[in-house]
Amino acid sequence: MSEDALLARITVRRDVFGGKPIVRDMRISVELVLSLLAQGEVPQAILEDYPDLELDDIRACLAYAHAVIAGDRLDAVPVSGQ
């Protein structure tokens, strides 16, 4: 899956978590997924704890973090509620 396709799985809704990026319009933030990974959780454990997530969602969170750090444009991330 391309990075743009992964980033399209990340959405920003001003009415959810104060506009923080979330996964596929669910109430699961990119921040939460990255925090779990940083704490040493393996993707399979995250998927078991959050059954609505898919492996590509976790990859999308990593792609988002990379895009932010690299200073890339985030045009592929849908924003609603502007």
Protein backbone atom coordinates (compact mmCIF):
# COMPACT_ATOMS: atom_id res chain seq x y z
CA MET A 1 0.00 0.00 0.00
CA SER A 2 1.36 3.43 -0.92
CA GLU A 3 2.07 6.09 1.68
CA ASP A 4 -0.77 8.24 0.29
CA ALA A 5 -3.17 5.31 0.63
CA LEU A 6 -2.02 4.76 4.20
CA LEU A 7 -2.35 8.45 5.03
CA ALA A 8 -5.90 8.42 3.66
CA ARG A 9 -6.76 6.11 6.58
CA ILE A 10 -5.94 8.96 8.98
CA THR A 11 -8.61 11.61 9.42
CA VAL A 12 -8.91 14.82 11.33
CA ARG A 13 -12.29 15.82 12.73
CA ARG A 14 -12.44 19.01 14.72
CA ASP A 15 -15.23 17.51 16.87
CA VAL A 16 -13.20 14.44 17.89
CA PHE A 17 -10.28 14.72 20.32
CA GLY A 18 -9.93 18.43 19.63
CA GLY A 19 -8.93 17.85 16.03
CA LYS A 20 -6.13 15.38 16.73
CA PRO A 21 -5.54 12.84 13.94
CA ILE A 22 -7.60 9.67 14.32
CA VAL A 23 -7.79 6.35 12.52
CA ARG A 24 -10.55 5.98 9.91
CA ASP A 25 -12.97 8.30 11.70
CA MET A 26 -12.95 6.04 14.76
CA ARG A 27 -12.29 7.34 18.23
CA ILE A 28 -8.81 5.85 18.18
CA SER A 29 -6.11 8.49 17.94
CA VAL A 30 -2.84 8.24 16.09
CA GLU A 31 -1.25 9.42 19.32
CA LEU A 32 -2.62 6.39 21.21
CA VAL A 33 -1.37 3.90 18.64
CA LEU A 34 2.09 5.51 18.52
CA SER A 35 2.23 5.59 22.32
CA LEU A 36 1.41 1.89 22.52
CA LEU A 37 4.11 1.08 19.98
CA ALA A 38 6.61 3.27 21.85
CA GLN A 39 5.81 1.38 25.06
CA GLY A 40 6.79 -1.85 23.35
CA GLU A 41 3.37 -3.20 22.41
CA VAL A 42 3.53 -5.37 19.32
CA PRO A 43 1.04 -4.74 16.53
CA GLN A 44 -0.74 -8.06 17.12
CA ALA A 45 -1.43 -7.15 20.77
CA ILE A 46 -2.80 -3.75 19.71
CA LEU A 47 -5.06 -5.44 17.16
CA GLU A 48 -6.34 -7.82 19.83
CA ASP A 49 -7.08 -4.95 22.23
CA TYR A 50 -8.70 -2.82 19.50
CA PRO A 51 -10.49 -5.29 17.19
CA ASP A 52 -11.76 -2.55 14.85
CA LEU A 53 -8.18 -1.67 13.93
CA GLU A 54 -6.41 -3.30 11.01
CA LEU A 55 -2.68 -3.78 10.49
CA ASP A 56 -2.74 -1.10 7.78
CA ASP A 57 -4.15 1.32 10.36
CA ILE A 58 -1.05 0.83 12.50
CA ARG A 59 1.12 1.26 9.41
CA ALA A 60 -0.86 4.42 8.62
CA CYS A 61 -0.05 5.83 12.07
CA LEU A 62 3.63 5.22 11.44
CA ALA A 63 3.39 6.78 7.98
CA TYR A 64 1.69 9.82 9.52
CA ALA A 65 4.43 10.18 12.14
CA HIS A 66 7.05 9.90 9.43
CA ALA A 67 5.33 12.53 7.28
CA VAL A 68 5.14 14.94 10.22
CA ILE A 69 8.77 14.47 11.20
CA ALA A 70 10.00 14.65 7.61
CA GLY A 71 8.01 17.83 7.06
CA ASP A 72 6.09 16.25 4.18
CA ARG A 73 2.78 17.61 3.04
CA LEU A 74 -0.20 15.84 4.53
CA ASP A 75 -2.66 16.47 1.69
CA ALA A 76 -3.76 12.83 1.80
CA VAL A 77 -5.20 13.25 5.30
CA PRO A 78 -8.91 14.16 5.10
CA VAL A 79 -10.00 17.02 7.36
CA SER A 80 -13.65 17.61 8.22
CA GLY A 81 -15.52 20.14 10.29
CA GLN A 82 -13.50 23.15 9.24
